[in-house]
């Protein structure tokens, strides 16, 4: 599953966009660089019932914004995207 597909599924499951999750994460004080991914994953599981894969996709967004590494673009792997820019404001 691509990063974008994870983000689209999160929107379908929770009704919240990645941009909305960024704002929620800031409000919770979880945006400091030293904040461990596990802390964020646990919060997303508890508050929104997100699984680890979906939560890690959001952690990527929290730490990197909409940028995606070129190694995930147009690759033959199961986790490939069509663009290095993720759509964070709703379904792709």
PDB file of N, CA and C in Angstrom:
ATOM      1  N   UNK A   1       0.840  -1.173   0.000  1.00  0.00           N
ATOM      2  CA  UNK A   1       0.000   0.000   0.000  1.00  0.00           C
ATOM      3  C   UNK A   1       0.888   1.240   0.000  1.00  0.00           C
ATOM      4  N   UNK A   2       0.553   2.203  -0.810  1.00  0.00           N
ATOM      5  CA  UNK A   2       1.341   3.431  -0.894  1.00  0.00           C
ATOM      6  C   UNK A   2       1.092   4.318   0.329  1.00  0.00           C
ATOM      7  N   UNK A   3       2.011   5.264   0.547  1.00  0.00           N
ATOM      8  CA  UNK A   3       1.816   6.223   1.632  1.00  0.00           C
ATOM      9  C   UNK A   3       0.508   6.976   1.426  1.00  0.00           C
ATOM     10  N   UNK A   4       0.250   7.391   0.184  1.00  0.00           N
ATOM     11  CA  UNK A   4      -0.966   8.146  -0.087  1.00  0.00           C
ATOM     12  C   UNK A   4      -2.210   7.309   0.210  1.00  0.00           C
ATOM     13  N   UNK A   5      -2.175   6.025  -0.111  1.00  0.00           N
ATOM     14  CA  UNK A   5      -3.313   5.153   0.184  1.00  0.00           C
ATOM     15  C   UNK A   5      -3.538   5.047   1.694  1.00  0.00           C
ATOM     16  N   UNK A   6      -2.455   4.967   2.467  1.00  0.00           N
ATOM     17  CA  UNK A   6      -2.598   4.968   3.920  1.00  0.00           C
ATOM     18  C   UNK A   6      -3.308   6.238   4.370  1.00  0.00           C
ATOM     19  N   UNK A   7      -2.862   7.383   3.860  1.00  0.00           N
ATOM     20  CA  UNK A   7      -3.453   8.660   4.267  1.00  0.00           C
ATOM     21  C   UNK A   7      -4.918   8.747   3.847  1.00  0.00           C
ATOM     22  N   UNK A   8      -5.228   8.273   2.649  1.00  0.00           N
ATOM     23  CA  UNK A   8      -6.619   8.276   2.179  1.00  0.00           C
ATOM     24  C   UNK A   8      -7.491   7.393   3.069  1.00  0.00           C
ATOM     25  N   UNK A   9      -6.975   6.238   3.467  1.00  0.00           N
ATOM     26  CA  UNK A   9      -7.729   5.335   4.342  1.00  0.00           C
ATOM     27  C   UNK A   9      -7.933   5.932   5.729  1.00  0.00           C
ATOM     28  N   UNK A  10      -6.957   6.682   6.203  1.00  0.00           N
ATOM     29  CA  UNK A  10      -7.090   7.360   7.502  1.00  0.00           C
ATOM     30  C   UNK A  10      -8.240   8.359   7.436  1.00  0.00           C
ATOM     31  N   UNK A  11      -8.324   9.105   6.351  1.00  0.00           N
ATOM     32  CA  UNK A  11      -9.420  10.067   6.161  1.00  0.00           C
ATOM     33  C   UNK A  11     -10.761   9.336   6.147  1.00  0.00           C
ATOM     34  N   UNK A  12     -10.837   8.221   5.445  1.00  0.00           N
ATOM     35  CA  UNK A  12     -12.085   7.447   5.388  1.00  0.00           C
ATOM     36  C   UNK A  12     -12.467   6.904   6.765  1.00  0.00           C
ATOM     37  N   UNK A  13     -11.468   6.442   7.516  1.00  0.00           N
ATOM     38  CA  UNK A  13     -11.723   5.812   8.817  1.00  0.00           C
ATOM     39  C   UNK A  13     -12.073   6.830   9.899  1.00  0.00           C
ATOM     40  N   UNK A  14     -11.384   7.965   9.904  1.00  0.00           N
ATOM     41  CA  UNK A  14     -11.534   8.915  11.014  1.00  0.00           C
ATOM     42  C   UNK A  14     -12.304  10.171  10.648  1.00  0.00           C
ATOM     43  N   UNK A  15     -12.402  10.451   9.351  1.00  0.00           N
ATOM     44  CA  UNK A  15     -13.025  11.703   8.916  1.00  0.00           C
ATOM     45  C   UNK A  15     -12.085  12.890   8.998  1.00  0.00           C
ATOM     46  N   UNK A  16     -10.832  12.638   9.374  1.00  0.00           N
ATOM     47  CA  UNK A  16      -9.850  13.713   9.523  1.00  0.00           C
ATOM     48  C   UNK A  16      -8.772  13.613   8.453  1.00  0.00           C
ATOM     49  N   UNK A  17      -8.358  14.762   7.950  1.00  0.00           N
ATOM     50  CA  UNK A  17      -7.289  14.810   6.966  1.00  0.00           C
ATOM     51  C   UNK A  17      -5.939  14.769   7.676  1.00  0.00           C
ATOM     52  N   UNK A  18      -4.879  14.448   6.943  1.00  0.00           N
ATOM     53  CA  UNK A  18      -3.545  14.523   7.541  1.00  0.00           C
ATOM     54  C   UNK A  18      -3.238  15.918   8.093  1.00  0.00           C
ATOM     55  N   UNK A  19      -3.674  16.965   7.385  1.00  0.00           N
ATOM     56  CA  UNK A  19      -3.453  18.327   7.891  1.00  0.00           C
ATOM     57  C   UNK A  19      -4.139  18.529   9.242  1.00  0.00           C
ATOM     58  N   UNK A  20      -5.331  17.961   9.410  1.00  0.00           N
ATOM     59  CA  UNK A  20      -6.030  18.068  10.690  1.00  0.00           C
ATOM     60  C   UNK A  20      -5.272  17.309  11.779  1.00  0.00           C
ATOM     61  N   UNK A  21      -4.705  16.161  11.424  1.00  0.00           N
ATOM     62  CA  UNK A  21      -3.901  15.420  12.397  1.00  0.00           C
ATOM     63  C   UNK A  21      -2.632  16.186  12.774  1.00  0.00           C
ATOM     64  N   UNK A  22      -2.047  16.902  11.838  1.00  0.00           N
ATOM     65  CA  UNK A  22      -0.876  17.733  12.156  1.00  0.00           C
ATOM     66  C   UNK A  22      -1.266  18.761  13.218  1.00  0.00           C
ATOM     67  N   UNK A  23      -2.397  19.420  13.031  1.00  0.00           N
ATOM     68  CA  UNK A  23      -2.860  20.416  13.999  1.00  0.00           C
ATOM     69  C   UNK A  23      -3.140  19.780  15.365  1.00  0.00           C
ATOM     70  N   UNK A  24      -3.774  18.605  15.373  1.00  0.00           N
ATOM     71  CA  UNK A  24      -4.052  17.901  16.634  1.00  0.00           C
ATOM     72  C   UNK A  24      -2.763  17.512  17.343  1.00  0.00           C
ATOM     73  N   UNK A  25      -1.783  17.085  16.576  1.00  0.00           N
ATOM     74  CA  UNK A  25      -0.499  16.678  17.149  1.00  0.00           C
ATOM     75  C   UNK A  25       0.206  17.874  17.780  1.00  0.00           C
ATOM     76  N   UNK A  26       0.148  19.012  17.107  1.00  0.00           N
ATOM     77  CA  UNK A  26       0.730  20.243  17.671  1.00  0.00           C
ATOM     78  C   UNK A  26       0.019  20.619  18.961  1.00  0.00           C
ATOM     79  N   UNK A  27      -1.306  20.542  18.959  1.00  0.00           N
ATOM     80  CA  UNK A  27      -2.085  20.885  20.150  1.00  0.00           C
ATOM     81  C   UNK A  27      -1.760  19.959  21.324  1.00  0.00           C
ATOM     82  N   UNK A  28      -1.445  18.695  21.042  1.00  0.00           N
ATOM     83  CA  UNK A  28      -1.081  17.736  22.092  1.00  0.00           C
ATOM     84  C   UNK A  28       0.370  17.884  22.547  1.00  0.00           C
ATOM     85  N   UNK A  29       1.134  18.736  21.864  1.00  0.00           N
ATOM     86  CA  UNK A  29       2.537  18.921  22.229  1.00  0.00           C
ATOM     87  C   UNK A  29       3.432  17.769  21.812  1.00  0.00           C
ATOM     88  N   UNK A  30       3.061  17.076  20.735  1.00  0.00           N
ATOM     89  CA  UNK A  30       3.821  15.901  20.292  1.00  0.00           C
ATOM     90  C   UNK A  30       4.689  16.174  19.060  1.00  0.00           C
ATOM     91  N   UNK A  31       5.004  17.429  18.807  1.00  0.00           N
ATOM     92  CA  UNK A  31       5.763  17.743  17.595  1.00  0.00           C
ATOM     93  C   UNK A  31       7.247  17.997  17.842  1.00  0.00           C
ATOM     94  N   UNK A  32       7.684  17.922  19.062  1.00  0.00           N
ATOM     95  CA  UNK A  32       9.104  18.137  19.352  1.00  0.00           C
ATOM     96  C   UNK A  32       9.941  17.070  18.649  1.00  0.00           C
ATOM     97  N   UNK A  33      11.100  17.450  18.109  1.00  0.00           N
ATOM     98  CA  UNK A  33      11.932  16.475  17.390  1.00  0.00           C
ATOM     99  C   UNK A  33      12.299  15.247  18.219  1.00  0.00           C
ATOM    100  N   UNK A  34      12.387  15.405  19.524  1.00  0.00           N
ATOM    101  CA  UNK A  34      12.774  14.274  20.369  1.00  0.00           C
ATOM    102  C   UNK A  34      11.599  13.351  20.716  1.00  0.00           C
ATOM    103  N   UNK A  35      10.382  13.728  20.328  1.00  0.00           N
ATOM    104  CA  UNK A  35       9.227  12.866  20.581  1.00  0.00           C
ATOM    105  C   UNK A  35       9.370  11.574  19.782  1.00  0.00           C
ATOM    106  N   UNK A  36       9.314  10.472  20.474  1.00  0.00           N
ATOM    107  CA  UNK A  36       9.467   9.159  19.846  1.00  0.00           C
ATOM    108  C   UNK A  36       8.208   8.776  19.075  1.00  0.00           C
ATOM    109  N   UNK A  37       8.399   8.088  17.972  1.00  0.00           N
ATOM    110  CA  UNK A  37       7.278   7.643  17.149  1.00  0.00           C
ATOM    111  C   UNK A  37       6.317   6.776  17.954  1.00  0.00           C
ATOM    112  N   UNK A  38       6.834   5.957  18.851  1.00  0.00           N
ATOM    113  CA  UNK A  38       5.989   5.071  19.654  1.00  0.00           C
ATOM    114  C   UNK A  38       4.978   5.821  20.501  1.00  0.00           C
ATOM    115  N   UNK A  39       5.354   6.991  20.988  1.00  0.00           N
ATOM    116  CA  UNK A  39       4.435   7.809  21.782  1.00  0.00           C
ATOM    117  C   UNK A  39       3.281   8.290  20.906  1.00  0.00           C
ATOM    118  N   UNK A  40       3.605   8.721  19.703  1.00  0.00           N
ATOM    119  CA  UNK A  40       2.582   9.204  18.773  1.00  0.00           C
ATOM    120  C   UNK A  40       1.702   8.045  18.320  1.00  0.00           C
ATOM    121  N   UNK A  41       2.309   6.907  18.006  1.00  0.00           N
ATOM    122  CA  UNK A  41       1.555   5.726  17.579  1.00  0.00           C
ATOM    123  C   UNK A  41       0.571   5.306  18.669  1.00  0.00           C
ATOM    124  N   UNK A  42       1.013   5.294  19.919  1.00  0.00           N
ATOM    125  CA  UNK A  42       0.132   4.908  21.033  1.00  0.00           C
ATOM    126  C   UNK A  42      -1.039   5.879  21.158  1.00  0.00           C
ATOM    127  N   UNK A  43      -0.785   7.170  21.015  1.00  0.00           N
ATOM    128  CA  UNK A  43      -1.848   8.170  21.081  1.00  0.00           C
ATOM    129  C   UNK A  43      -2.854   7.969  19.944  1.00  0.00           C
ATOM    130  N   UNK A  44      -2.356   7.755  18.720  1.00  0.00           N
ATOM    131  CA  UNK A  44      -3.243   7.557  17.569  1.00  0.00           C
ATOM    132  C   UNK A  44      -4.076   6.280  17.721  1.00  0.00           C
ATOM    133  N   UNK A  45      -3.503   5.253  18.305  1.00  0.00           N
ATOM    134  CA  UNK A  45      -4.233   4.007  18.551  1.00  0.00           C
ATOM    135  C   UNK A  45      -5.340   4.238  19.579  1.00  0.00           C
ATOM    136  N   UNK A  46      -4.973   4.891  20.685  1.00  0.00           N
ATOM    137  CA  UNK A  46      -5.924   5.108  21.773  1.00  0.00           C
ATOM    138  C   UNK A  46      -7.059   6.042  21.361  1.00  0.00           C
ATOM    139  N   UNK A  47      -6.728   7.168  20.745  1.00  0.00           N
ATOM    140  CA  UNK A  47      -7.725   8.190  20.437  1.00  0.00           C
ATOM    141  C   UNK A  47      -8.510   7.931  19.148  1.00  0.00           C
ATOM    142  N   UNK A  48      -7.869   7.269  18.170  1.00  0.00           N
ATOM    143  CA  UNK A  48      -8.491   7.141  16.853  1.00  0.00           C
ATOM    144  C   UNK A  48      -8.542   5.711  16.330  1.00  0.00           C
ATOM    145  N   UNK A  49      -8.083   4.763  17.144  1.00  0.00           N
ATOM    146  CA  UNK A  49      -8.084   3.349  16.781  1.00  0.00           C
ATOM    147  C   UNK A  49      -7.334   3.073  15.475  1.00  0.00           C
ATOM    148  N   UNK A  50      -6.247   3.793  15.255  1.00  0.00           N
ATOM    149  CA  UNK A  50      -5.427   3.570  14.063  1.00  0.00           C
ATOM    150  C   UNK A  50      -4.412   2.472  14.326  1.00  0.00           C
ATOM    151  N   UNK A  51      -4.230   1.613  13.345  1.00  0.00           N
ATOM    152  CA  UNK A  51      -3.215   0.573  13.433  1.00  0.00           C
ATOM    153  C   UNK A  51      -1.822   1.154  13.244  1.00  0.00           C
ATOM    154  N   UNK A  52      -0.825   0.328  13.472  1.00  0.00           N
ATOM    155  CA  UNK A  52       0.558   0.783  13.419  1.00  0.00           C
ATOM    156  C   UNK A  52       0.942   1.346  12.048  1.00  0.00           C
ATOM    157  N   UNK A  53       0.593   0.677  10.961  1.00  0.00           N
ATOM    158  CA  UNK A  53       0.962   1.149   9.630  1.00  0.00           C
ATOM    159  C   UNK A  53       0.384   2.514   9.318  1.00  0.00           C
ATOM    160  N   UNK A  54      -0.885   2.697   9.648  1.00  0.00           N
ATOM    161  CA  UNK A  54      -1.524   3.988   9.408  1.00  0.00           C
ATOM    162  C   UNK A  54      -0.909   5.070  10.298  1.00  0.00           C
ATOM    163  N   UNK A  55      -0.647   4.722  11.539  1.00  0.00           N
ATOM    164  CA  UNK A  55      -0.044   5.684  12.460  1.00  0.00           C
ATOM    165  C   UNK A  55       1.362   6.074  12.012  1.00  0.00           C
ATOM    166  N   UNK A  56       2.145   5.112  11.548  1.00  0.00           N
ATOM    167  CA  UNK A  56       3.500   5.412  11.075  1.00  0.00           C
ATOM    168  C   UNK A  56       3.457   6.311   9.843  1.00  0.00           C
ATOM    169  N   UNK A  57       2.459   6.127   8.986  1.00  0.00           N
ATOM    170  CA  UNK A  57       2.307   7.027   7.833  1.00  0.00           C
ATOM    171  C   UNK A  57       2.085   8.461   8.314  1.00  0.00           C
ATOM    172  N   UNK A  58       1.286   8.628   9.356  1.00  0.00           N
ATOM    173  CA  UNK A  58       1.083   9.968   9.902  1.00  0.00           C
ATOM    174  C   UNK A  58       2.344  10.502  10.572  1.00  0.00           C
ATOM    175  N   UNK A  59       3.068   9.652  11.277  1.00  0.00           N
ATOM    176  CA  UNK A  59       4.337  10.089  11.880  1.00  0.00           C
ATOM    177  C   UNK A  59       5.269  10.618  10.788  1.00  0.00           C
ATOM    178  N   UNK A  60       5.307   9.936   9.652  1.00  0.00           N
ATOM    179  CA  UNK A  60       6.116  10.418   8.524  1.00  0.00           C
ATOM    180  C   UNK A  60       5.687  11.833   8.142  1.00  0.00           C
ATOM    181  N   UNK A  61       4.393  12.062   8.055  1.00  0.00           N
ATOM    182  CA  UNK A  61       3.871  13.387   7.703  1.00  0.00           C
ATOM    183  C   UNK A  61       4.259  14.406   8.774  1.00  0.00           C
ATOM    184  N   UNK A  62       4.148  14.042  10.044  1.00  0.00           N
ATOM    185  CA  UNK A  62       4.490  14.962  11.123  1.00  0.00           C
ATOM    186  C   UNK A  62       5.947  15.384  11.053  1.00  0.00           C
ATOM    187  N   UNK A  63       6.809  14.467  10.660  1.00  0.00           N
ATOM    188  CA  UNK A  63       8.249  14.749  10.643  1.00  0.00           C
ATOM    189  C   UNK A  63       8.749  15.298   9.307  1.00  0.00           C
ATOM    190  N   UNK A  64       8.050  14.990   8.195  1.00  0.00           N
ATOM    191  CA  UNK A  64       8.550  15.363   6.866  1.00  0.00           C
ATOM    192  C   UNK A  64       7.589  16.202   6.041  1.00  0.00           C
ATOM    193  N   UNK A  65       6.416  16.471   6.556  1.00  0.00           N
ATOM    194  CA  UNK A  65       5.418  17.198   5.768  1.00  0.00           C
ATOM    195  C   UNK A  65       4.967  16.355   4.590  1.00  0.00           C
ATOM    196  N   UNK A  66       4.697  17.007   3.479  1.00  0.00           N
ATOM    197  CA  UNK A  66       4.171  16.313   2.294  1.00  0.00           C
ATOM    198  C   UNK A  66       5.261  15.674   1.448  1.00  0.00           C
ATOM    199  N   UNK A  67       6.517  15.853   1.823  1.00  0.00           N
ATOM    200  CA  UNK A  67       7.625  15.319   1.029  1.00  0.00           C
ATOM    201  C   UNK A  67       7.762  13.816   1.213  1.00  0.00           C
ATOM    202  N   UNK A  68       8.001  13.143   0.115  1.00  0.00           N
ATOM    203  CA  UNK A  68       8.190  11.696   0.117  1.00  0.00           C
ATOM    204  C   UNK A  68       9.479  11.385  -0.622  1.00  0.00           C
ATOM    205  N   UNK A  69      10.237  10.445  -0.118  1.00  0.00           N
ATOM    206  CA  UNK A  69      11.490  10.061  -0.749  1.00  0.00           C
ATOM    207  C   UNK A  69      11.250   9.507  -2.148  1.00  0.00           C
ATOM    208  N   UNK A  70      12.127   9.844  -3.060  1.00  0.00           N
ATOM    209  CA  UNK A  70      12.005   9.357  -4.439  1.00  0.00           C
ATOM    210  C   UNK A  70      12.104   7.842  -4.541  1.00  0.00           C
ATOM    211  N   UNK A  71      12.675   7.187  -3.536  1.00  0.00           N
ATOM    212  CA  UNK A  71      12.796   5.733  -3.603  1.00  0.00           C
ATOM    213  C   UNK A  71      11.438   5.046  -3.561  1.00  0.00           C
ATOM    214  N   UNK A  72      10.390   5.764  -3.134  1.00  0.00           N
ATOM    215  CA  UNK A  72       9.048   5.198  -3.069  1.00  0.00           C
ATOM    216  C   UNK A  72       8.205   5.533  -4.296  1.00  0.00           C
ATOM    217  N   UNK A  73       8.755   6.309  -5.209  1.00  0.00           N
ATOM    218  CA  UNK A  73       7.987   6.772  -6.362  1.00  0.00           C
ATOM    219  C   UNK A  73       8.256   5.878  -7.564  1.00  0.00           C
ATOM    220  N   UNK A  74       7.172   5.405  -8.179  1.00  0.00           N
ATOM    221  CA  UNK A  74       7.254   4.577  -9.384  1.00  0.00           C
ATOM    222  C   UNK A  74       8.191   3.386  -9.239  1.00  0.00           C
ATOM    223  N   UNK A  75       8.248   2.827  -8.040  1.00  0.00           N
ATOM    224  CA  UNK A  75       9.054   1.626  -7.836  1.00  0.00           C
ATOM    225  C   UNK A  75       8.189   0.408  -8.117  1.00  0.00           C
ATOM    226  N   UNK A  76       8.809  -0.735  -8.146  1.00  0.00           N
ATOM    227  CA  UNK A  76       8.069  -1.967  -8.383  1.00  0.00           C
ATOM    228  C   UNK A  76       7.519  -2.567  -7.091  1.00  0.00           C
ATOM    229  N   UNK A  77       7.898  -1.990  -5.961  1.00  0.00           N
ATOM    230  CA  UNK A  77       7.468  -2.543  -4.683  1.00  0.00           C
ATOM    231  C   UNK A  77       5.994  -2.304  -4.411  1.00  0.00           C
ATOM    232  N   UNK A  78       5.490  -2.969  -3.384  1.00  0.00           N
ATOM    233  CA  UNK A  78       4.080  -2.816  -3.039  1.00  0.00           C
ATOM    234  C   UNK A  78       3.786  -1.455  -2.422  1.00  0.00           C
ATOM    235  N   UNK A  79       4.798  -0.822  -1.881  1.00  0.00           N
ATOM    236  CA  UNK A  79       4.618   0.501  -1.281  1.00  0.00           C
ATOM    237  C   UNK A  79       5.243   1.551  -2.193  1.00  0.00           C
ATOM    238  N   UNK A  80       4.541   1.884  -3.237  1.00  0.00           N
ATOM    239  CA  UNK A  80       5.054   2.911  -4.142  1.00  0.00           C
ATOM    240  C   UNK A  80       3.989   3.965  -4.387  1.00  0.00           C
ATOM    241  N   UNK A  81       4.457   5.165  -4.631  1.00  0.00           N
ATOM    242  CA  UNK A  81       3.575   6.291  -4.899  1.00  0.00           C
ATOM    243  C   UNK A  81       3.881   6.844  -6.278  1.00  0.00           C
ATOM    244  N   UNK A  82       2.967   7.642  -6.783  1.00  0.00           N
ATOM    245  CA  UNK A  82       3.123   8.225  -8.109  1.00  0.00           C
ATOM    246  C   UNK A  82       3.833   9.568  -8.069  1.00  0.00           C
ATOM    247  N   UNK A  83       3.982  10.167  -6.895  1.00  0.00           N
ATOM    248  CA  UNK A  83       4.554  11.503  -6.770  1.00  0.00           C
ATOM    249  C   UNK A  83       5.347  11.612  -5.474  1.00  0.00           C
ATOM    250  N   UNK A  84       6.299  12.552  -5.444  1.00  0.00           N
ATOM    251  CA  UNK A  84       7.050  12.791  -4.210  1.00  0.00           C
ATOM    252  C   UNK A  84       6.299  13.744  -3.277  1.00  0.00           C
ATOM    253  N   UNK A  85       5.148  14.249  -3.725  1.00  0.00           N
ATOM    254  CA  UNK A  85       4.334  15.141  -2.903  1.00  0.00           C
ATOM    255  C   UNK A  85       3.043  14.434  -2.501  1.00  0.00           C
ATOM    256  N   UNK A  86       2.831  14.303  -1.206  1.00  0.00           N
ATOM    257  CA  UNK A  86       1.619  13.686  -0.689  1.00  0.00           C
ATOM    258  C   UNK A  86       0.498  14.715  -0.607  1.00  0.00           C
ATOM    259  N   UNK A  87      -0.720  14.277  -0.780  1.00  0.00           N
ATOM    260  CA  UNK A  87      -1.894  15.130  -0.621  1.00  0.00           C
ATOM    261  C   UNK A  87      -2.306  15.063   0.840  1.00  0.00           C
ATOM    262  N   UNK A  88      -2.213  16.195   1.550  1.00  0.00           N
ATOM    263  CA  UNK A  88      -2.494  16.209   2.968  1.00  0.00           C
ATOM    264  C   UNK A  88      -3.826  16.861   3.325  1.00  0.00           C
ATOM    265  N   UNK A  89      -4.572  17.290   2.325  1.00  0.00           N
ATOM    266  CA  UNK A  89      -5.807  18.024   2.629  1.00  0.00           C
ATOM    267  C   UNK A  89      -7.079  17.245   2.307  1.00  0.00           C
ATOM    268  N   UNK A  90      -6.973  15.979   2.111  1.00  0.00           N
ATOM    269  CA  UNK A  90      -8.151  15.169   1.835  1.00  0.00           C
ATOM    270  C   UNK A  90      -7.801  13.989   0.974  1.00  0.00           C
ATOM    271  N   UNK A  91      -8.795  13.326   0.465  1.00  0.00           N
ATOM    272  CA  UNK A  91      -8.553  12.151  -0.359  1.00  0.00           C
ATOM    273  C   UNK A  91      -7.859  12.521  -1.645  1.00  0.00           C
ATOM    274  N   UNK A  92      -6.920  11.678  -2.055  1.00  0.00           N
ATOM    275  CA  UNK A  92      -6.151  11.894  -3.283  1.00  0.00           C
ATOM    276  C   UNK A  92      -7.055  11.866  -4.499  1.00  0.00           C
TER     277      UNK A  92
END
